[in-house]
PDB file of all heavy atoms in Angstrom:
ATOM      1  N   GLY A   1      74.291 123.052 100.180  1.00  0.00           N
ATOM      2  CA  GLY A   1      74.369 123.310 101.518  1.00  0.00           C
ATOM      3  C   GLY A   1      73.109 123.825 102.176  1.00  0.00           C
ATOM      4  O   GLY A   1      72.007 123.914 101.561  1.00  0.00           O
ATOM      5  N   PRO A   2      73.260 124.309 103.440  1.00  0.00           N
ATOM      6  CA  PRO A   2      72.038 124.934 104.172  1.00  0.00           C
ATOM      7  C   PRO A   2      71.447 126.136 103.325  1.00  0.00           C
ATOM      8  O   PRO A   2      72.208 126.903 102.826  1.00  0.00           O
ATOM      9  CB  PRO A   2      72.575 125.270 105.451  1.00  0.00           C
ATOM     10  CG  PRO A   2      73.844 124.444 105.614  1.00  0.00           C
ATOM     11  CD  PRO A   2      74.391 124.285 104.361  1.00  0.00           C
ATOM     12  N   VAL A   3      70.196 126.283 103.402  1.00  0.00           N
ATOM     13  CA  VAL A   3      69.576 127.470 102.758  1.00  0.00           C
ATOM     14  C   VAL A   3      68.855 128.229 103.893  1.00  0.00           C
ATOM     15  O   VAL A   3      68.177 127.603 104.718  1.00  0.00           O
ATOM     16  CB  VAL A   3      68.576 126.913 101.744  1.00  0.00           C
ATOM     17  CG1 VAL A   3      67.722 128.172 101.217  1.00  0.00           C
ATOM     18  CG2 VAL A   3      69.252 126.190 100.621  1.00  0.00           C
ATOM     19  N   ALA A   4      68.960 129.495 103.780  1.00  0.00           N
ATOM     20  CA  ALA A   4      68.316 130.498 104.812  1.00  0.00           C
ATOM     21  C   ALA A   4      66.854 130.097 104.818  1.00  0.00           C
ATOM     22  O   ALA A   4      66.160 130.013 103.779  1.00  0.00           O
ATOM     23  CB  ALA A   4      68.574 131.882 104.585  1.00  0.00           C
ATOM     24  N   VAL A   5      66.362 130.139 106.050  1.00  0.00           N
ATOM     25  CA  VAL A   5      64.782 129.876 106.160  1.00  0.00           C
ATOM     26  C   VAL A   5      64.023 130.758 105.297  1.00  0.00           C
ATOM     27  O   VAL A   5      63.073 130.311 104.648  1.00  0.00           O
ATOM     28  CB  VAL A   5      64.387 129.979 107.695  1.00  0.00           C
ATOM     29  CG1 VAL A   5      62.898 129.927 107.837  1.00  0.00           C
ATOM     30  CG2 VAL A   5      65.083 128.911 108.507  1.00  0.00           C
ATOM     31  N   PRO A   6      64.243 132.120 105.228  1.00  0.00           N
ATOM     32  CA  PRO A   6      63.334 132.925 104.312  1.00  0.00           C
ATOM     33  C   PRO A   6      63.338 132.564 102.829  1.00  0.00           C
ATOM     34  O   PRO A   6      62.522 132.900 102.133  1.00  0.00           O
ATOM     35  CB  PRO A   6      64.058 134.345 104.533  1.00  0.00           C
ATOM     36  CG  PRO A   6      64.626 134.269 105.820  1.00  0.00           C
ATOM     37  CD  PRO A   6      65.207 132.898 105.938  1.00  0.00           C
ATOM     38  N   ASP A   7      64.471 131.930 102.433  1.00  0.00           N
ATOM     39  CA  ASP A   7      64.640 131.470 101.012  1.00  0.00           C
ATOM     40  C   ASP A   7      63.909 130.049 100.725  1.00  0.00           C
ATOM     41  O   ASP A   7      63.672 129.680  99.581  1.00  0.00           O
ATOM     42  CB  ASP A   7      66.116 131.306 100.551  1.00  0.00           C
ATOM     43  CG  ASP A   7      66.737 132.569 100.398  1.00  0.00           C
ATOM     44  OD1 ASP A   7      66.035 133.556 100.137  1.00  0.00           O
ATOM     45  OD2 ASP A   7      67.994 132.709 100.613  1.00  0.00           O
ATOM     46  N   LEU A   8      63.526 129.355 101.702  1.00  0.00           N
ATOM     47  CA  LEU A   8      63.046 128.027 101.593  1.00  0.00           C
ATOM     48  C   LEU A   8      61.692 127.938 100.899  1.00  0.00           C
ATOM     49  O   LEU A   8      61.603 127.113  99.866  1.00  0.00           O
ATOM     50  CB  LEU A   8      63.003 127.308 102.849  1.00  0.00           C
ATOM     51  CG  LEU A   8      64.241 126.504 103.369  1.00  0.00           C
ATOM     52  CD1 LEU A   8      64.023 126.012 104.777  1.00  0.00           C
ATOM     53  CD2 LEU A   8      64.733 125.496 102.435  1.00  0.00           C
ATOM     54  N   PRO A   9      60.735 128.664 101.096  1.00  0.00           N
ATOM     55  CA  PRO A   9      59.511 128.664 100.406  1.00  0.00           C
ATOM     56  C   PRO A   9      59.740 128.965  98.904  1.00  0.00           C
ATOM     57  O   PRO A   9      58.988 128.240  98.092  1.00  0.00           O
ATOM     58  CB  PRO A   9      58.644 129.694 101.093  1.00  0.00           C
ATOM     59  CG  PRO A   9      59.178 129.783 102.499  1.00  0.00           C
ATOM     60  CD  PRO A   9      60.632 129.739 102.350  1.00  0.00           C
ATOM     61  N   ALA A  10      60.420 129.875  98.512  1.00  0.00           N
ATOM     62  CA  ALA A  10      60.653 130.091  97.017  1.00  0.00           C
ATOM     63  C   ALA A  10      61.491 128.963  96.437  1.00  0.00           C
ATOM     64  O   ALA A  10      61.251 128.657  95.311  1.00  0.00           O
ATOM     65  CB  ALA A  10      61.418 131.459  96.861  1.00  0.00           C
ATOM     66  N   LEU A  11      62.462 128.409  97.183  1.00  0.00           N
ATOM     67  CA  LEU A  11      63.060 127.336  96.650  1.00  0.00           C
ATOM     68  C   LEU A  11      62.282 126.048  96.363  1.00  0.00           C
ATOM     69  O   LEU A  11      62.418 125.464  95.424  1.00  0.00           O
ATOM     70  CB  LEU A  11      64.248 126.934  97.709  1.00  0.00           C
ATOM     71  CG  LEU A  11      65.127 125.615  97.298  1.00  0.00           C
ATOM     72  CD1 LEU A  11      66.043 126.024  96.100  1.00  0.00           C
ATOM     73  CD2 LEU A  11      65.995 125.238  98.484  1.00  0.00           C
ATOM     74  N   TYR A  12      61.377 125.817  97.336  1.00  0.00           N
ATOM     75  CA  TYR A  12      60.413 124.755  97.166  1.00  0.00           C
ATOM     76  C   TYR A  12      59.482 125.064  95.914  1.00  0.00           C
ATOM     77  O   TYR A  12      59.277 124.299  95.023  1.00  0.00           O
ATOM     78  CB  TYR A  12      59.459 124.611  98.361  1.00  0.00           C
ATOM     79  CG  TYR A  12      60.027 123.893  99.503  1.00  0.00           C
ATOM     80  CD1 TYR A  12      60.182 124.338 100.784  1.00  0.00           C
ATOM     81  CD2 TYR A  12      60.394 122.485  99.310  1.00  0.00           C
ATOM     82  CE1 TYR A  12      60.650 123.540 101.936  1.00  0.00           C
ATOM     83  CE2 TYR A  12      60.873 121.775 100.364  1.00  0.00           C
ATOM     84  CZ  TYR A  12      60.909 122.323 101.683  1.00  0.00           C
ATOM     85  OH  TYR A  12      61.345 121.530 102.677  1.00  0.00           O
ATOM     86  N   THR A  13      58.963 126.278  95.920  1.00  0.00           N
ATOM     87  CA  THR A  13      57.936 126.621  94.882  1.00  0.00           C
ATOM     88  C   THR A  13      58.557 126.588  93.444  1.00  0.00           C
ATOM     89  O   THR A  13      57.795 126.164  92.528  1.00  0.00           O
ATOM     90  CB  THR A  13      57.444 128.142  95.129  1.00  0.00           C
ATOM     91  OG1 THR A  13      56.963 128.354  96.334  1.00  0.00           O
ATOM     92  CG2 THR A  13      56.549 128.577  94.069  1.00  0.00           C
ATOM     93  N   GLY A  14      59.804 126.893  93.280  1.00  0.00           N
ATOM     94  CA  GLY A  14      60.410 126.809  92.032  1.00  0.00           C
ATOM     95  C   GLY A  14      60.815 125.517  91.530  1.00  0.00           C
ATOM     96  O   GLY A  14      61.167 125.299  90.382  1.00  0.00           O
ATOM     97  N   ALA A  15      60.684 124.346  92.277  1.00  0.00           N
ATOM     98  CA  ALA A  15      61.025 123.036  91.955  1.00  0.00           C
ATOM     99  C   ALA A  15      59.935 122.338  91.043  1.00  0.00           C
ATOM    100  O   ALA A  15      58.771 122.603  91.274  1.00  0.00           O
ATOM    101  CB  ALA A  15      61.298 122.134  93.184  1.00  0.00           C
ATOM    102  N   LEU A  16      60.549 121.626  90.143  1.00  0.00           N
ATOM    103  CA  LEU A  16      59.536 120.723  89.359  1.00  0.00           C
ATOM    104  C   LEU A  16      58.858 119.751  90.154  1.00  0.00           C
ATOM    105  O   LEU A  16      57.601 119.433  90.089  1.00  0.00           O
ATOM    106  CB  LEU A  16      60.206 120.072  88.190  1.00  0.00           C
ATOM    107  CG  LEU A  16      60.793 120.943  86.993  1.00  0.00           C
ATOM    108  CD1 LEU A  16      61.657 120.080  86.078  1.00  0.00           C
ATOM    109  CD2 LEU A  16      59.580 121.577  86.294  1.00  0.00           C
ATOM    110  N   LEU A  17      59.630 119.106  91.112  1.00  0.00           N
ATOM    111  CA  LEU A  17      59.172 118.189  92.062  1.00  0.00           C
ATOM    112  C   LEU A  17      59.996 118.101  93.181  1.00  0.00           C
ATOM    113  O   LEU A  17      61.236 118.497  93.088  1.00  0.00           O
ATOM    114  CB  LEU A  17      58.784 116.815  91.401  1.00  0.00           C
ATOM    115  CG  LEU A  17      59.993 115.967  90.916  1.00  0.00           C
ATOM    116  CD1 LEU A  17      60.576 115.075  91.994  1.00  0.00           C
ATOM    117  CD2 LEU A  17      59.420 115.106  89.738  1.00  0.00           C
ATOM    118  N   PHE A  18      59.530 117.591  94.278  1.00  0.00           N
ATOM    119  CA  PHE A  18      60.420 117.399  95.588  1.00  0.00           C
ATOM    120  C   PHE A  18      60.477 115.832  95.799  1.00  0.00           C
ATOM    121  O   PHE A  18      59.431 115.203  95.657  1.00  0.00           O
ATOM    122  CB  PHE A  18      59.726 118.084  96.717  1.00  0.00           C
ATOM    123  CG  PHE A  18      60.507 117.849  97.994  1.00  0.00           C
ATOM    124  CD1 PHE A  18      61.638 118.666  98.294  1.00  0.00           C
ATOM    125  CD2 PHE A  18      60.137 116.848  98.914  1.00  0.00           C
ATOM    126  CE1 PHE A  18      62.254 118.438  99.441  1.00  0.00           C
ATOM    127  CE2 PHE A  18      60.751 116.710 100.090  1.00  0.00           C
ATOM    128  CZ  PHE A  18      61.844 117.476 100.380  1.00  0.00           C
ATOM    129  N   VAL A  19      61.612 115.395  96.123  1.00  0.00           N
ATOM    130  CA  VAL A  19      61.806 113.891  96.422  1.00  0.00           C
ATOM    131  C   VAL A  19      62.605 113.786  97.721  1.00  0.00           C
ATOM    132  O   VAL A  19      63.401 114.548  98.173  1.00  0.00           O
ATOM    133  CB  VAL A  19      62.695 113.322  95.290  1.00  0.00           C
ATOM    134  CG1 VAL A  19      63.982 113.974  95.116  1.00  0.00           C
ATOM    135  CG2 VAL A  19      62.878 111.802  95.501  1.00  0.00           C
ATOM    136  N   PHE A  20      62.089 112.852  98.375  1.00  0.00           N
ATOM    137  CA  PHE A  20      62.458 112.548  99.873  1.00  0.00           C
ATOM    138  C   PHE A  20      62.469 111.019 100.003  1.00  0.00           C
ATOM    139  O   PHE A  20      61.526 110.353 100.223  1.00  0.00           O
ATOM    140  CB  PHE A  20      61.366 113.159 100.810  1.00  0.00           C
ATOM    141  CG  PHE A  20      61.918 113.425 102.173  1.00  0.00           C
ATOM    142  CD1 PHE A  20      62.845 114.337 102.450  1.00  0.00           C
ATOM    143  CD2 PHE A  20      61.407 112.697 103.328  1.00  0.00           C
ATOM    144  CE1 PHE A  20      63.345 114.601 103.679  1.00  0.00           C
ATOM    145  CE2 PHE A  20      61.835 112.888 104.491  1.00  0.00           C
ATOM    146  CZ  PHE A  20      62.886 113.983 104.738  1.00  0.00           C
ATOM    147  N   PRO A  21      63.774 110.619  99.995  1.00  0.00           N
ATOM    148  CA  PRO A  21      64.042 109.067  99.980  1.00  0.00           C
ATOM    149  C   PRO A  21      64.282 108.416 101.383  1.00  0.00           C
ATOM    150  O   PRO A  21      64.736 107.227 101.440  1.00  0.00           O
ATOM    151  CB  PRO A  21      65.222 108.957  99.133  1.00  0.00           C
ATOM    152  CG  PRO A  21      66.057 110.131  99.564  1.00  0.00           C
ATOM    153  CD  PRO A  21      65.070 111.353  99.770  1.00  0.00           C
ATOM    154  N   SER A  22      64.029 109.131 102.476  1.00  0.00           N
ATOM    155  CA  SER A  22      64.368 108.792 103.807  1.00  0.00           C
ATOM    156  C   SER A  22      63.792 107.352 104.163  1.00  0.00           C
ATOM    157  O   SER A  22      62.666 106.986 103.801  1.00  0.00           O
ATOM    158  CB  SER A  22      64.057 109.699 104.919  1.00  0.00           C
ATOM    159  OG  SER A  22      64.409 109.348 106.076  1.00  0.00           O
ATOM    160  N   ARG A  23      64.740 106.471 104.975  1.00  0.00           N
ATOM    161  CA  ARG A  23      64.270 105.287 105.425  1.00  0.00           C
ATOM    162  C   ARG A  23      63.555 105.336 106.799  1.00  0.00           C
ATOM    163  O   ARG A  23      62.867 104.322 107.222  1.00  0.00           O
ATOM    164  CB  ARG A  23      65.461 104.383 105.584  1.00  0.00           C
ATOM    165  CG  ARG A  23      66.160 103.888 104.233  1.00  0.00           C
ATOM    166  CD  ARG A  23      67.076 102.876 104.497  1.00  0.00           C
ATOM    167  NE  ARG A  23      67.592 102.279 103.216  1.00  0.00           N
ATOM    168  CZ  ARG A  23      68.861 102.732 102.665  1.00  0.00           C
ATOM    169  NH1 ARG A  23      69.547 103.614 103.302  1.00  0.00           N
ATOM    170  NH2 ARG A  23      69.252 102.285 101.522  1.00  0.00           N
ATOM    171  N   CYS A  24      63.695 106.447 107.423  1.00  0.00           N
ATOM    172  CA  CYS A  24      63.037 106.575 108.837  1.00  0.00           C
ATOM    173  C   CYS A  24      62.953 108.020 109.184  1.00  0.00           C
ATOM    174  O   CYS A  24      63.935 108.760 109.108  1.00  0.00           O
ATOM    175  CB  CYS A  24      63.890 105.865 109.804  1.00  0.00           C
ATOM    176  SG  CYS A  24      63.204 105.844 111.410  1.00  0.00           S
ATOM    177  N   GLU A  25      61.789 108.507 109.591  1.00  0.00           N
ATOM    178  CA  GLU A  25      61.598 109.846 110.073  1.00  0.00           C
ATOM    179  C   GLU A  25      60.554 109.823 111.228  1.00  0.00           C
ATOM    180  O   GLU A  25      59.599 109.087 111.195  1.00  0.00           O
ATOM    181  CB  GLU A  25      60.878 110.617 108.910  1.00  0.00           C
ATOM    182  CG  GLU A  25      61.877 110.940 107.707  1.00  0.00           C
ATOM    183  CD  GLU A  25      62.917 111.832 108.064  1.00  0.00           C
ATOM    184  OE1 GLU A  25      62.771 112.763 109.005  1.00  0.00           O
ATOM    185  OE2 GLU A  25      63.926 111.734 107.465  1.00  0.00           O
ATOM    186  N   GLY A  26      60.788 110.555 112.212  1.00  0.00           N
ATOM    187  CA  GLY A  26      59.782 110.702 113.265  1.00  0.00           C
ATOM    188  C   GLY A  26      58.609 111.355 112.711  1.00  0.00           C
ATOM    189  O   GLY A  26      57.356 110.952 113.060  1.00  0.00           O
ATOM    190  N   PHE A  27      58.688 112.311 111.758  1.00  0.00           N
ATOM    191  CA  PHE A  27      57.573 112.810 111.122  1.00  0.00           C
ATOM    192  C   PHE A  27      57.958 113.089 109.615  1.00  0.00           C
ATOM    193  O   PHE A  27      57.384 112.515 108.657  1.00  0.00           O
ATOM    194  CB  PHE A  27      57.051 114.209 111.744  1.00  0.00           C
ATOM    195  CG  PHE A  27      55.880 114.685 111.102  1.00  0.00           C
ATOM    196  CD1 PHE A  27      54.610 114.199 111.476  1.00  0.00           C
ATOM    197  CD2 PHE A  27      55.812 115.793 110.219  1.00  0.00           C
ATOM    198  CE1 PHE A  27      53.418 114.684 110.977  1.00  0.00           C
ATOM    199  CE2 PHE A  27      54.705 116.261 109.604  1.00  0.00           C
ATOM    200  CZ  PHE A  27      53.411 115.698 109.960  1.00  0.00           C
ATOM    201  N   GLY A  28      58.822 114.032 109.413  1.00  0.00           N
ATOM    202  CA  GLY A  28      59.240 114.355 108.042  1.00  0.00           C
ATOM    203  C   GLY A  28      58.605 115.550 107.574  1.00  0.00           C
ATOM    204  O   GLY A  28      57.737 115.530 106.651  1.00  0.00           O
ATOM    205  N   LEU A  29      59.105 116.735 108.038  1.00  0.00           N
ATOM    206  CA  LEU A  29      58.363 118.001 107.620  1.00  0.00           C
ATOM    207  C   LEU A  29      58.608 118.408 106.179  1.00  0.00           C
ATOM    208  O   LEU A  29      57.800 118.975 105.546  1.00  0.00           O
ATOM    209  CB  LEU A  29      58.757 119.122 108.513  1.00  0.00           C
ATOM    210  CG  LEU A  29      57.928 119.385 109.766  1.00  0.00           C
ATOM    211  CD1 LEU A  29      58.545 120.411 110.681  1.00  0.00           C
ATOM    212  CD2 LEU A  29      56.419 119.789 109.420  1.00  0.00           C
ATOM    213  N   PRO A  30      59.842 118.203 105.530  1.00  0.00           N
ATOM    214  CA  PRO A  30      60.067 118.670 104.305  1.00  0.00           C
ATOM    215  C   PRO A  30      58.977 118.289 103.143  1.00  0.00           C
ATOM    216  O   PRO A  30      58.520 119.176 102.427  1.00  0.00           O
ATOM    217  CB  PRO A  30      61.463 118.216 103.904  1.00  0.00           C
ATOM    218  CG  PRO A  30      62.148 118.166 105.197  1.00  0.00           C
ATOM    219  CD  PRO A  30      61.090 117.622 106.096  1.00  0.00           C
ATOM    220  N   PRO A  31      58.485 117.048 103.161  1.00  0.00           N
ATOM    221  CA  PRO A  31      57.455 116.743 102.187  1.00  0.00           C
ATOM    222  C   PRO A  31      56.113 117.593 102.364  1.00  0.00           C
ATOM    223  O   PRO A  31      55.627 118.030 101.434  1.00  0.00           O
ATOM    224  CB  PRO A  31      57.139 115.276 102.363  1.00  0.00           C
ATOM    225  CG  PRO A  31      58.427 114.688 102.934  1.00  0.00           C
ATOM    226  CD  PRO A  31      58.939 115.800 103.813  1.00  0.00           C
ATOM    227  N   LEU A  32      55.879 117.851 103.682  1.00  0.00           N
ATOM    228  CA  LEU A  32      54.709 118.628 104.023  1.00  0.00           C
ATOM    229  C   LEU A  32      54.835 120.096 103.517  1.00  0.00           C
ATOM    230  O   LEU A  32      54.052 120.803 102.960  1.00  0.00           O
ATOM    231  CB  LEU A  32      54.313 118.562 105.444  1.00  0.00           C
ATOM    232  CG  LEU A  32      53.044 119.091 105.901  1.00  0.00           C
ATOM    233  CD1 LEU A  32      51.905 118.200 105.248  1.00  0.00           C
ATOM    234  CD2 LEU A  32      52.831 118.995 107.435  1.00  0.00           C
ATOM    235  N   GLU A  33      56.120 120.608 103.807  1.00  0.00           N
ATOM    236  CA  GLU A  33      56.445 121.995 103.406  1.00  0.00           C
ATOM    237  C   GLU A  33      56.323 122.103 101.869  1.00  0.00           C
ATOM    238  O   GLU A  33      55.887 123.103 101.367  1.00  0.00           O
ATOM    239  CB  GLU A  33      57.862 122.366 103.901  1.00  0.00           C
ATOM    240  CG  GLU A  33      57.894 122.382 105.452  1.00  0.00           C
ATOM    241  CD  GLU A  33      59.323 122.485 106.036  1.00  0.00           C
ATOM    242  OE1 GLU A  33      60.252 122.314 105.223  1.00  0.00           O
ATOM    243  OE2 GLU A  33      59.484 122.837 107.203  1.00  0.00           O
ATOM    244  N   ALA A  34      56.962 121.056 101.201  1.00  0.00           N
ATOM    245  CA  ALA A  34      56.908 121.220  99.636  1.00  0.00           C
ATOM    246  C   ALA A  34      55.418 121.190  99.176  1.00  0.00           C
ATOM    247  O   ALA A  34      55.065 122.050  98.323  1.00  0.00           O
ATOM    248  CB  ALA A  34      57.637 120.047  99.108  1.00  0.00           C
ATOM    249  N   MET A  35      54.517 120.304  99.814  1.00  0.00           N
ATOM    250  CA  MET A  35      53.223 120.361  99.365  1.00  0.00           C
ATOM    251  C   MET A  35      52.438 121.681  99.719  1.00  0.00           C
ATOM    252  O   MET A  35      51.664 122.154  98.902  1.00  0.00           O
ATOM    253  CB  MET A  35      52.370 119.214 100.052  1.00  0.00           C
ATOM    254  CG  MET A  35      52.862 117.831  99.479  1.00  0.00           C
ATOM    255  SD  MET A  35      51.720 116.364 100.028  1.00  0.00           S
ATOM    256  CE  MET A  35      52.049 116.406 101.757  1.00  0.00           C
ATOM    257  N   ALA A  36      52.832 122.225 100.882  1.00  0.00           N
ATOM    258  CA  ALA A  36      52.207 123.571 101.257  1.00  0.00           C
ATOM    259  C   ALA A  36      52.653 124.574 100.198  1.00  0.00           C
ATOM    260  O   ALA A  36      51.908 125.597 100.048  1.00  0.00           O
ATOM    261  CB  ALA A  36      52.669 123.899 102.648  1.00  0.00           C
ATOM    262  N   CYS A  37      53.726 124.418  99.602  1.00  0.00           N
ATOM    263  CA  CYS A  37      54.251 125.330  98.496  1.00  0.00           C
ATOM    264  C   CYS A  37      53.721 125.013  97.159  1.00  0.00           C
ATOM    265  O   CYS A  37      54.176 125.548  96.070  1.00  0.00           O
ATOM    266  CB  CYS A  37      55.745 125.388  98.601  1.00  0.00           C
ATOM    267  SG  CYS A  37      56.449 126.166  99.997  1.00  0.00           S
ATOM    268  N   GLY A  38      52.926 123.947  96.966  1.00  0.00           N
ATOM    269  CA  GLY A  38      52.230 123.634  95.803  1.00  0.00           C
ATOM    270  C   GLY A  38      53.121 122.723  94.883  1.00  0.00           C
ATOM    271  O   GLY A  38      52.907 122.684  93.741  1.00  0.00           O
ATOM    272  N   VAL A  39      54.103 122.015  95.550  1.00  0.00           N
ATOM    273  CA  VAL A  39      55.046 121.198  94.638  1.00  0.00           C
ATOM    274  C   VAL A  39      54.647 119.716  94.741  1.00  0.00           C
ATOM    275  O   VAL A  39      54.480 119.226  95.776  1.00  0.00           O
ATOM    276  CB  VAL A  39      56.455 121.387  95.151  1.00  0.00           C
ATOM    277  CG1 VAL A  39      57.547 120.625  94.364  1.00  0.00           C
ATOM    278  CG2 VAL A  39      56.869 122.888  95.121  1.00  0.00           C
ATOM    279  N   PRO A  40      54.672 119.034  93.527  1.00  0.00           N
ATOM    280  CA  PRO A  40      54.509 117.464  93.663  1.00  0.00           C
ATOM    281  C   PRO A  40      55.547 116.803  94.439  1.00  0.00           C
ATOM    282  O   PRO A  40      56.697 117.259  94.357  1.00  0.00           O
ATOM    283  CB  PRO A  40      54.483 117.160  92.201  1.00  0.00           C
ATOM    284  CG  PRO A  40      54.346 118.449  91.358  1.00  0.00           C
ATOM    285  CD  PRO A  40      54.870 119.475  92.223  1.00  0.00           C
ATOM    286  N   VAL A  41      55.180 115.820  95.173  1.00  0.00           N
ATOM    287  CA  VAL A  41      56.076 115.129  96.007  1.00  0.00           C
ATOM    288  C   VAL A  41      56.180 113.631  95.641  1.00  0.00           C
ATOM    289  O   VAL A  41      55.179 112.987  95.497  1.00  0.00           O
ATOM    290  CB  VAL A  41      55.658 115.302  97.470  1.00  0.00           C
ATOM    291  CG1 VAL A  41      56.427 114.384  98.424  1.00  0.00           C
ATOM    292  CG2 VAL A  41      55.778 116.776  97.944  1.00  0.00           C
ATOM    293  N   VAL A  42      57.469 113.148  95.632  1.00  0.00           N
ATOM    294  CA  VAL A  42      57.783 111.694  95.439  1.00  0.00           C
ATOM    295  C   VAL A  42      58.476 111.421  96.763  1.00  0.00           C
ATOM    296  O   VAL A  42      59.588 111.953  97.218  1.00  0.00           O
ATOM    297  CB  VAL A  42      58.637 111.501  94.355  1.00  0.00           C
ATOM    298  CG1 VAL A  42      59.067 110.022  94.351  1.00  0.00           C
ATOM    299  CG2 VAL A  42      58.158 111.912  93.016  1.00  0.00           C
ATOM    300  N   CYS A  43      57.932 110.329  97.471  1.00  0.00           N
ATOM    301  CA  CYS A  43      58.286 110.197  98.845  1.00  0.00           C
ATOM    302  C   CYS A  43      58.408 108.749  99.136  1.00  0.00           C
ATOM    303  O   CYS A  43      57.700 107.866  98.627  1.00  0.00           O
ATOM    304  CB  CYS A  43      57.270 110.817  99.816  1.00  0.00           C
ATOM    305  SG  CYS A  43      57.535 110.752 101.528  1.00  0.00           S
ATOM    306  N   SER A  44      59.389 108.305 100.037  1.00  0.00           N
ATOM    307  CA  SER A  44      59.518 106.995 100.401  1.00  0.00           C
ATOM    308  C   SER A  44      58.367 106.464 101.289  1.00  0.00           C
ATOM    309  O   SER A  44      57.690 107.195 102.009  1.00  0.00           O
ATOM    310  CB  SER A  44      60.832 106.643 101.144  1.00  0.00           C
ATOM    311  OG  SER A  44      60.837 107.313 102.377  1.00  0.00           O
ATOM    312  N   GLN A  45      58.009 105.194 101.076  1.00  0.00           N
ATOM    313  CA  GLN A  45      56.942 104.622 101.820  1.00  0.00           C
ATOM    314  C   GLN A  45      57.593 103.858 102.986  1.00  0.00           C
ATOM    315  O   GLN A  45      57.622 102.684 103.081  1.00  0.00           O
ATOM    316  CB  GLN A  45      56.288 103.553 100.871  1.00  0.00           C
ATOM    317  CG  GLN A  45      54.971 103.078 101.470  1.00  0.00           C
ATOM    318  CD  GLN A  45      54.184 102.228 100.494  1.00  0.00           C
ATOM    319  OE1 GLN A  45      54.668 101.962  99.411  1.00  0.00           O
ATOM    320  NE2 GLN A  45      52.879 101.958 100.708  1.00  0.00           N
ATOM    321  N   ALA A  46      57.973 104.688 104.041  1.00  0.00           N
ATOM    322  CA  ALA A  46      58.805 104.231 105.141  1.00  0.00           C
ATOM    323  C   ALA A  46      58.291 104.996 106.443  1.00  0.00           C
ATOM    324  O   ALA A  46      58.079 106.234 106.355  1.00  0.00           O
ATOM    325  CB  ALA A  46      60.240 104.299 104.949  1.00  0.00           C
TER     326      ALA A  46
END
């Protein structure tokens, strides 16, 4: 479910990788947030 904003950076940092399969995004901040936290990103080409 939803995670409190103060917990998100640590949640990202602790992941082995971040995956984002969206078919459409105006921008898509979560992959950028994950990269800012030093996490490898697997992302859709869309």
